[in-house]
Amino acid sequence: MLAFSPGITDADERKVLSSYDWQLADMQGNRVDFNAFKGKKIVINFWATWCPPCVAEMPSMQALYDDYGDQVVFIFVTNEDKATVSTFLQKNDYTFPVYQSVSIAPAELQSKALPTTYLISGKGEIVIHKTGAADWNSETVRGLLE
């Protein structure tokens, strides 16, 4: 169990996405244009099945997705092969949407660390930028998504 909720970036220190130009592909190979999510609340999580902190936070991510998946866009991004990811998702009964990058993510969303998670407001502000595992199913995060 993860004890800590991610911290919220102070309003005057928040970066704003300069671009939504980013192409993704879902696990079936369908292209998804990140521009389609402009104006919506978005949770983006960069992760891998071989990453222990990533795996540790997944139950809290699934719980959050279960409750907010119809109100918030969830984008879980990995560069692993589809068979490995599919096996991992099925084994753990995870139902959140997983994508692979087809193009380079916007500059504000680039990180070399896993996991890295962003919560983006409908105005494009990066409200949370968290590197490392966290409890995403917390009152703090839920409050932001309300």
N, C-alpha and C. Protein backbone atom coordinates (compact mmCIF):
# COMPACT_ATOMS: atom_id res chain seq x y z
N MET A 1 0.84 -1.18 0.00
CA MET A 1 0.00 0.00 0.00
C MET A 1 0.88 1.24 0.00
N LEU A 2 0.59 2.15 -0.87
CA LEU A 2 1.32 3.41 -0.95
C LEU A 2 0.67 4.40 0.01
N ALA A 3 1.48 5.07 0.79
CA ALA A 3 0.95 5.95 1.83
C ALA A 3 0.77 7.38 1.38
N PHE A 4 1.47 7.80 0.36
CA PHE A 4 1.49 9.22 0.03
C PHE A 4 0.73 9.56 -1.25
N SER A 5 -0.07 10.60 -1.13
CA SER A 5 -0.77 11.15 -2.28
C SER A 5 0.20 12.08 -3.01
N PRO A 6 0.07 12.22 -4.32
CA PRO A 6 0.94 13.15 -5.04
C PRO A 6 0.64 14.59 -4.65
N GLY A 7 1.65 15.43 -4.69
CA GLY A 7 1.46 16.84 -4.36
C GLY A 7 0.89 17.63 -5.54
N ILE A 8 0.17 18.66 -5.20
CA ILE A 8 -0.43 19.55 -6.20
C ILE A 8 0.53 20.71 -6.44
N THR A 9 0.76 21.04 -7.70
CA THR A 9 1.62 22.16 -8.06
C THR A 9 0.87 23.47 -7.77
N ASP A 10 1.55 24.40 -7.11
CA ASP A 10 0.95 25.71 -6.84
C ASP A 10 0.48 26.34 -8.14
N ALA A 11 -0.65 27.02 -8.07
CA ALA A 11 -1.27 27.61 -9.27
C ALA A 11 -0.32 28.52 -10.05
N ASP A 12 0.50 29.30 -9.35
CA ASP A 12 1.40 30.23 -10.04
C ASP A 12 2.65 29.56 -10.60
N GLU A 13 2.83 28.26 -10.32
CA GLU A 13 4.00 27.53 -10.82
C GLU A 13 3.63 26.47 -11.86
N ARG A 14 2.37 26.37 -12.21
CA ARG A 14 1.92 25.34 -13.14
C ARG A 14 2.32 25.67 -14.57
N LYS A 15 2.85 24.65 -15.23
CA LYS A 15 3.11 24.76 -16.66
C LYS A 15 1.81 24.50 -17.40
N VAL A 16 1.71 25.07 -18.58
CA VAL A 16 0.55 24.84 -19.44
C VAL A 16 1.05 24.15 -20.70
N LEU A 17 0.31 23.14 -21.13
CA LEU A 17 0.71 22.44 -22.36
C LEU A 17 0.76 23.43 -23.52
N SER A 18 1.88 23.45 -24.21
CA SER A 18 2.03 24.35 -25.35
C SER A 18 1.46 23.73 -26.61
N SER A 19 1.26 22.41 -26.58
CA SER A 19 0.78 21.71 -27.76
C SER A 19 0.07 20.43 -27.34
N TYR A 20 -0.91 20.05 -28.12
CA TYR A 20 -1.58 18.76 -27.94
C TYR A 20 -1.24 17.84 -29.12
N ASP A 21 -0.22 18.22 -29.87
CA ASP A 21 0.18 17.42 -31.03
C ASP A 21 0.96 16.20 -30.57
N TRP A 22 0.27 15.08 -30.49
CA TRP A 22 0.85 13.83 -30.02
C TRP A 22 -0.02 12.71 -30.55
N GLN A 23 0.58 11.78 -31.23
CA GLN A 23 -0.14 10.64 -31.78
C GLN A 23 0.15 9.41 -30.93
N LEU A 24 -0.91 8.68 -30.61
CA LEU A 24 -0.82 7.45 -29.82
C LEU A 24 -1.49 6.32 -30.58
N ALA A 25 -1.22 5.11 -30.15
CA ALA A 25 -1.91 3.94 -30.68
C ALA A 25 -2.39 3.10 -29.51
N ASP A 26 -3.65 2.67 -29.56
CA ASP A 26 -4.16 1.83 -28.48
C ASP A 26 -3.67 0.39 -28.67
N MET A 27 -4.05 -0.49 -27.79
CA MET A 27 -3.55 -1.87 -27.82
C MET A 27 -4.04 -2.65 -29.04
N GLN A 28 -5.06 -2.14 -29.72
CA GLN A 28 -5.54 -2.79 -30.94
C GLN A 28 -4.89 -2.17 -32.18
N GLY A 29 -4.03 -1.18 -31.97
CA GLY A 29 -3.34 -0.54 -33.08
C GLY A 29 -4.07 0.66 -33.67
N ASN A 30 -5.19 1.04 -33.07
CA ASN A 30 -5.95 2.20 -33.56
C ASN A 30 -5.25 3.49 -33.16
N ARG A 31 -5.14 4.41 -34.11
CA ARG A 31 -4.49 5.70 -33.85
C ARG A 31 -5.41 6.59 -33.02
N VAL A 32 -4.81 7.31 -32.10
CA VAL A 32 -5.53 8.26 -31.26
C VAL A 32 -4.77 9.57 -31.30
N ASP A 33 -5.49 10.65 -31.59
CA ASP A 33 -4.90 11.98 -31.64
C ASP A 33 -5.14 12.67 -30.30
N PHE A 34 -4.07 13.01 -29.60
CA PHE A 34 -4.16 13.66 -28.30
C PHE A 34 -4.95 14.98 -28.38
N ASN A 35 -4.96 15.62 -29.53
CA ASN A 35 -5.73 16.85 -29.73
C ASN A 35 -7.21 16.65 -29.40
N ALA A 36 -7.70 15.43 -29.54
CA ALA A 36 -9.11 15.14 -29.27
C ALA A 36 -9.46 15.34 -27.80
N PHE A 37 -8.45 15.38 -26.92
CA PHE A 37 -8.70 15.50 -25.49
C PHE A 37 -8.52 16.92 -24.96
N LYS A 38 -8.22 17.84 -25.84
CA LYS A 38 -8.04 19.24 -25.44
C LYS A 38 -9.32 19.73 -24.78
N GLY A 39 -9.17 20.42 -23.64
CA GLY A 39 -10.32 20.94 -22.91
C GLY A 39 -10.88 19.97 -21.88
N LYS A 40 -10.30 18.77 -21.78
CA LYS A 40 -10.77 17.77 -20.82
C LYS A 40 -9.73 17.56 -19.72
N LYS A 41 -10.19 17.05 -18.59
CA LYS A 41 -9.26 16.63 -17.54
C LYS A 41 -8.61 15.34 -18.00
N ILE A 42 -7.28 15.26 -17.82
CA ILE A 42 -6.52 14.12 -18.34
C ILE A 42 -5.55 13.62 -17.28
N VAL A 43 -5.48 12.32 -17.12
CA VAL A 43 -4.44 11.68 -16.31
C VAL A 43 -3.57 10.89 -17.28
N ILE A 44 -2.28 11.22 -17.30
CA ILE A 44 -1.32 10.52 -18.16
C ILE A 44 -0.30 9.84 -17.26
N ASN A 45 -0.10 8.54 -17.48
CA ASN A 45 0.86 7.78 -16.68
C ASN A 45 1.81 7.04 -17.62
N PHE A 46 3.10 7.35 -17.50
CA PHE A 46 4.14 6.63 -18.24
C PHE A 46 4.64 5.52 -17.33
N TRP A 47 4.60 4.27 -17.81
CA TRP A 47 4.88 3.13 -16.96
C TRP A 47 5.45 1.96 -17.75
N ALA A 48 5.83 0.90 -17.03
CA ALA A 48 6.29 -0.35 -17.65
C ALA A 48 5.99 -1.51 -16.70
N THR A 49 5.79 -2.68 -17.25
CA THR A 49 5.49 -3.86 -16.44
C THR A 49 6.68 -4.30 -15.59
N TRP A 50 7.89 -3.97 -16.01
CA TRP A 50 9.11 -4.38 -15.31
C TRP A 50 9.53 -3.39 -14.22
N CYS A 51 8.76 -2.33 -14.05
CA CYS A 51 9.08 -1.23 -13.13
C CYS A 51 8.34 -1.44 -11.80
N PRO A 52 9.05 -1.84 -10.71
CA PRO A 52 8.37 -2.09 -9.43
C PRO A 52 7.53 -0.92 -8.90
N PRO A 53 8.00 0.34 -8.95
CA PRO A 53 7.13 1.42 -8.49
C PRO A 53 5.87 1.59 -9.35
N CYS A 54 6.01 1.32 -10.65
CA CYS A 54 4.86 1.39 -11.55
C CYS A 54 3.81 0.36 -11.13
N VAL A 55 4.27 -0.86 -10.93
CA VAL A 55 3.39 -1.96 -10.56
C VAL A 55 2.74 -1.67 -9.19
N ALA A 56 3.50 -1.08 -8.28
CA ALA A 56 2.99 -0.79 -6.94
C ALA A 56 1.83 0.20 -6.95
N GLU A 57 1.85 1.18 -7.87
CA GLU A 57 0.79 2.18 -7.87
C GLU A 57 -0.41 1.79 -8.74
N MET A 58 -0.30 0.72 -9.50
CA MET A 58 -1.38 0.34 -10.41
C MET A 58 -2.72 0.06 -9.73
N PRO A 59 -2.77 -0.61 -8.57
CA PRO A 59 -4.09 -0.81 -7.95
C PRO A 59 -4.79 0.51 -7.64
N SER A 60 -4.05 1.53 -7.20
CA SER A 60 -4.68 2.82 -6.92
C SER A 60 -5.11 3.49 -8.21
N MET A 61 -4.35 3.31 -9.28
CA MET A 61 -4.74 3.86 -10.57
C MET A 61 -6.01 3.19 -11.09
N GLN A 62 -6.09 1.86 -10.94
CA GLN A 62 -7.28 1.15 -11.40
C GLN A 62 -8.51 1.61 -10.62
N ALA A 63 -8.37 1.79 -9.32
CA ALA A 63 -9.50 2.25 -8.49
C ALA A 63 -9.96 3.63 -8.94
N LEU A 64 -9.00 4.52 -9.23
CA LEU A 64 -9.34 5.85 -9.71
C LEU A 64 -10.05 5.77 -11.06
N TYR A 65 -9.52 4.95 -11.94
CA TYR A 65 -10.13 4.76 -13.26
C TYR A 65 -11.55 4.20 -13.13
N ASP A 66 -11.73 3.24 -12.23
CA ASP A 66 -13.06 2.65 -12.03
C ASP A 66 -14.09 3.72 -11.69
N ASP A 67 -13.71 4.69 -10.88
CA ASP A 67 -14.65 5.71 -10.43
C ASP A 67 -14.75 6.94 -11.33
N TYR A 68 -13.69 7.23 -12.09
CA TYR A 68 -13.66 8.47 -12.87
C TYR A 68 -13.43 8.26 -14.37
N GLY A 69 -13.39 7.02 -14.81
CA GLY A 69 -13.10 6.73 -16.21
C GLY A 69 -14.09 7.30 -17.20
N ASP A 70 -15.30 7.63 -16.73
CA ASP A 70 -16.29 8.23 -17.63
C ASP A 70 -16.29 9.76 -17.57
N GLN A 71 -15.46 10.34 -16.68
CA GLN A 71 -15.42 11.80 -16.51
C GLN A 71 -14.05 12.40 -16.87
N VAL A 72 -13.05 11.56 -16.84
CA VAL A 72 -11.66 11.98 -17.03
C VAL A 72 -11.02 11.09 -18.09
N VAL A 73 -10.16 11.66 -18.92
CA VAL A 73 -9.42 10.88 -19.91
C VAL A 73 -8.21 10.26 -19.21
N PHE A 74 -8.08 8.95 -19.27
CA PHE A 74 -6.93 8.25 -18.72
C PHE A 74 -6.08 7.72 -19.87
N ILE A 75 -4.79 8.02 -19.82
CA ILE A 75 -3.87 7.58 -20.85
C ILE A 75 -2.66 6.94 -20.16
N PHE A 76 -2.55 5.64 -20.27
CA PHE A 76 -1.42 4.91 -19.71
C PHE A 76 -0.50 4.57 -20.87
N VAL A 77 0.72 5.10 -20.84
CA VAL A 77 1.64 5.00 -21.96
C VAL A 77 2.82 4.09 -21.60
N THR A 78 3.06 3.11 -22.48
CA THR A 78 4.21 2.22 -22.32
C THR A 78 4.83 1.99 -23.68
N ASN A 79 6.10 1.64 -23.70
CA ASN A 79 6.75 1.31 -24.98
C ASN A 79 7.04 -0.18 -25.08
N GLU A 80 6.47 -0.96 -24.18
CA GLU A 80 6.66 -2.41 -24.22
C GLU A 80 5.81 -3.05 -25.31
N ASP A 81 6.17 -4.28 -25.67
CA ASP A 81 5.41 -4.96 -26.72
C ASP A 81 4.01 -5.30 -26.20
N LYS A 82 3.08 -5.35 -27.13
CA LYS A 82 1.67 -5.52 -26.80
C LYS A 82 1.39 -6.83 -26.08
N ALA A 83 2.07 -7.91 -26.43
CA ALA A 83 1.82 -9.20 -25.79
C ALA A 83 2.17 -9.15 -24.30
N THR A 84 3.29 -8.55 -23.98
CA THR A 84 3.71 -8.42 -22.57
C THR A 84 2.70 -7.59 -21.79
N VAL A 85 2.29 -6.48 -22.37
CA VAL A 85 1.34 -5.58 -21.71
C VAL A 85 -0.02 -6.27 -21.54
N SER A 86 -0.50 -6.92 -22.58
CA SER A 86 -1.79 -7.61 -22.51
C SER A 86 -1.80 -8.68 -21.44
N THR A 87 -0.74 -9.45 -21.36
CA THR A 87 -0.63 -10.48 -20.33
C THR A 87 -0.67 -9.87 -18.94
N PHE A 88 0.07 -8.78 -18.74
CA PHE A 88 0.10 -8.08 -17.45
C PHE A 88 -1.29 -7.57 -17.08
N LEU A 89 -1.96 -6.93 -18.02
CA LEU A 89 -3.29 -6.38 -17.75
C LEU A 89 -4.28 -7.48 -17.39
N GLN A 90 -4.28 -8.56 -18.14
CA GLN A 90 -5.20 -9.67 -17.89
C GLN A 90 -4.92 -10.33 -16.55
N LYS A 91 -3.67 -10.57 -16.26
CA LYS A 91 -3.27 -11.22 -15.01
C LYS A 91 -3.74 -10.44 -13.79
N ASN A 92 -3.74 -9.11 -13.90
CA ASN A 92 -4.10 -8.25 -12.77
C ASN A 92 -5.51 -7.67 -12.85
N ASP A 93 -6.27 -8.07 -13.85
CA ASP A 93 -7.63 -7.57 -14.05
C ASP A 93 -7.67 -6.05 -14.18
N TYR A 94 -6.69 -5.47 -14.86
CA TYR A 94 -6.68 -4.03 -15.11
C TYR A 94 -7.42 -3.74 -16.40
N THR A 95 -8.26 -2.72 -16.35
CA THR A 95 -9.10 -2.39 -17.50
C THR A 95 -8.85 -0.98 -18.04
N PHE A 96 -7.89 -0.26 -17.47
CA PHE A 96 -7.61 1.10 -17.94
C PHE A 96 -7.00 1.05 -19.33
N PRO A 97 -7.16 2.12 -20.11
CA PRO A 97 -6.66 2.13 -21.49
C PRO A 97 -5.15 2.35 -21.57
N VAL A 98 -4.50 1.51 -22.35
CA VAL A 98 -3.04 1.58 -22.52
C VAL A 98 -2.73 1.94 -23.97
N TYR A 99 -1.73 2.80 -24.12
CA TYR A 99 -1.33 3.29 -25.44
C TYR A 99 0.19 3.20 -25.60
N GLN A 100 0.61 3.29 -26.83
CA GLN A 100 2.02 3.45 -27.17
C GLN A 100 2.15 4.74 -27.95
N SER A 101 3.24 5.46 -27.70
CA SER A 101 3.49 6.69 -28.45
C SER A 101 3.84 6.36 -29.89
N VAL A 102 3.23 7.08 -30.81
CA VAL A 102 3.56 6.97 -32.22
C VAL A 102 4.46 8.14 -32.61
N SER A 103 4.26 9.26 -31.90
CA SER A 103 5.10 10.44 -32.11
C SER A 103 5.60 10.92 -30.74
N ILE A 104 6.40 11.94 -30.75
CA ILE A 104 6.98 12.45 -29.51
C ILE A 104 5.92 13.24 -28.73
N ALA A 105 5.87 13.00 -27.43
CA ALA A 105 4.93 13.70 -26.56
C ALA A 105 5.29 15.18 -26.49
N PRO A 106 4.33 16.04 -26.17
CA PRO A 106 4.63 17.46 -25.97
C PRO A 106 5.78 17.63 -24.96
N ALA A 107 6.56 18.68 -25.13
CA ALA A 107 7.76 18.91 -24.32
C ALA A 107 7.48 18.86 -22.83
N GLU A 108 6.33 19.39 -22.40
CA GLU A 108 6.00 19.43 -20.98
C GLU A 108 5.71 18.05 -20.40
N LEU A 109 5.54 17.06 -21.26
CA LEU A 109 5.21 15.70 -20.82
C LEU A 109 6.37 14.73 -21.01
N GLN A 110 7.55 15.24 -21.21
CA GLN A 110 8.68 14.35 -21.44
C GLN A 110 9.46 14.13 -20.15
N SER A 111 9.71 12.86 -19.85
CA SER A 111 10.45 12.46 -18.66
C SER A 111 11.16 11.15 -18.96
N LYS A 112 12.31 10.96 -18.37
CA LYS A 112 13.04 9.70 -18.56
C LYS A 112 12.80 8.74 -17.40
N ALA A 113 12.08 9.17 -16.38
CA ALA A 113 11.84 8.35 -15.19
C ALA A 113 10.49 7.64 -15.28
N LEU A 114 10.43 6.45 -14.70
CA LEU A 114 9.18 5.70 -14.60
C LEU A 114 8.93 5.36 -13.14
N PRO A 115 7.69 5.42 -12.70
CA PRO A 115 6.56 6.03 -13.39
C PRO A 115 6.62 7.55 -13.31
N THR A 116 6.04 8.18 -14.29
CA THR A 116 5.81 9.62 -14.26
C THR A 116 4.34 9.83 -14.62
N THR A 117 3.68 10.62 -13.79
CA THR A 117 2.24 10.83 -13.98
C THR A 117 1.93 12.32 -13.97
N TYR A 118 1.00 12.69 -14.84
CA TYR A 118 0.55 14.08 -14.95
C TYR A 118 -0.97 14.11 -14.80
N LEU A 119 -1.45 15.12 -14.09
CA LEU A 119 -2.87 15.41 -14.08
C LEU A 119 -3.00 16.78 -14.72
N ILE A 120 -3.74 16.83 -15.81
CA ILE A 120 -3.87 18.05 -16.60
C ILE A 120 -5.31 18.55 -16.51
N SER A 121 -5.45 19.83 -16.23
CA SER A 121 -6.78 20.43 -16.11
C SER A 121 -7.38 20.65 -17.50
N GLY A 122 -8.65 21.00 -17.52
CA GLY A 122 -9.32 21.30 -18.78
C GLY A 122 -8.72 22.52 -19.48
N LYS A 123 -7.98 23.34 -18.73
CA LYS A 123 -7.32 24.51 -19.31
C LYS A 123 -5.91 24.19 -19.79
N GLY A 124 -5.50 22.93 -19.67
CA GLY A 124 -4.17 22.53 -20.11
C GLY A 124 -3.09 22.73 -19.07
N GLU A 125 -3.47 23.11 -17.86
CA GLU A 125 -2.49 23.29 -16.79
C GLU A 125 -2.07 21.94 -16.22
N ILE A 126 -0.78 21.78 -15.97
CA ILE A 126 -0.28 20.56 -15.33
C ILE A 126 -0.41 20.77 -13.82
N VAL A 127 -1.48 20.22 -13.27
CA VAL A 127 -1.83 20.40 -11.86
C VAL A 127 -0.97 19.50 -10.98
N ILE A 128 -0.68 18.31 -11.47
CA ILE A 128 0.23 17.38 -10.78
C ILE A 128 1.24 16.86 -11.79
N HIS A 129 2.50 16.86 -11.40
CA HIS A 129 3.59 16.22 -12.15
C HIS A 129 4.35 15.43 -11.11
N LYS A 130 4.16 14.11 -11.11
CA LYS A 130 4.74 13.24 -10.09
C LYS A 130 5.61 12.18 -10.73
N THR A 131 6.87 12.14 -10.30
CA THR A 131 7.77 11.07 -10.69
C THR A 131 7.88 10.13 -9.49
N GLY A 132 7.73 8.83 -9.75
CA GLY A 132 7.74 7.85 -8.66
C GLY A 132 6.32 7.46 -8.31
N ALA A 133 6.22 6.41 -7.51
CA ALA A 133 4.92 5.87 -7.14
C ALA A 133 4.19 6.77 -6.16
N ALA A 134 2.87 6.72 -6.21
CA ALA A 134 2.02 7.49 -5.30
C ALA A 134 0.69 6.78 -5.14
N ASP A 135 -0.08 7.22 -4.16
CA ASP A 135 -1.43 6.73 -3.98
C ASP A 135 -2.35 7.64 -4.78
N TRP A 136 -2.74 7.20 -5.94
CA TRP A 136 -3.57 8.01 -6.83
C TRP A 136 -5.04 7.96 -6.47
N ASN A 137 -5.42 7.01 -5.64
CA ASN A 137 -6.81 6.88 -5.22
C ASN A 137 -7.00 7.60 -3.87
N SER A 138 -6.47 8.81 -3.79
CA SER A 138 -6.50 9.56 -2.54
C SER A 138 -7.58 10.64 -2.58
N GLU A 139 -7.92 11.16 -1.41
CA GLU A 139 -8.89 12.25 -1.34
C GLU A 139 -8.40 13.46 -2.11
N THR A 140 -7.08 13.72 -2.07
CA THR A 140 -6.51 14.87 -2.76
C THR A 140 -6.78 14.77 -4.26
N VAL A 141 -6.43 13.64 -4.86
CA VAL A 141 -6.62 13.47 -6.30
C VAL A 141 -8.11 13.45 -6.64
N ARG A 142 -8.89 12.75 -5.86
CA ARG A 142 -10.33 12.70 -6.12
C ARG A 142 -10.93 14.10 -6.06
N GLY A 143 -10.48 14.91 -5.11
CA GLY A 143 -10.97 16.28 -5.00
C GLY A 143 -10.69 17.10 -6.24
N LEU A 144 -9.50 16.91 -6.81
CA LEU A 144 -9.14 17.61 -8.04
C LEU A 144 -9.98 17.17 -9.23
N LEU A 145 -10.35 15.91 -9.25
CA LEU A 145 -11.10 15.38 -10.38
C LEU A 145 -12.59 15.72 -10.29
N GLU A 146 -13.05 16.08 -9.12
CA GLU A 146 -14.49 16.42 -8.94
C GLU A 146 -14.88 17.67 -9.67
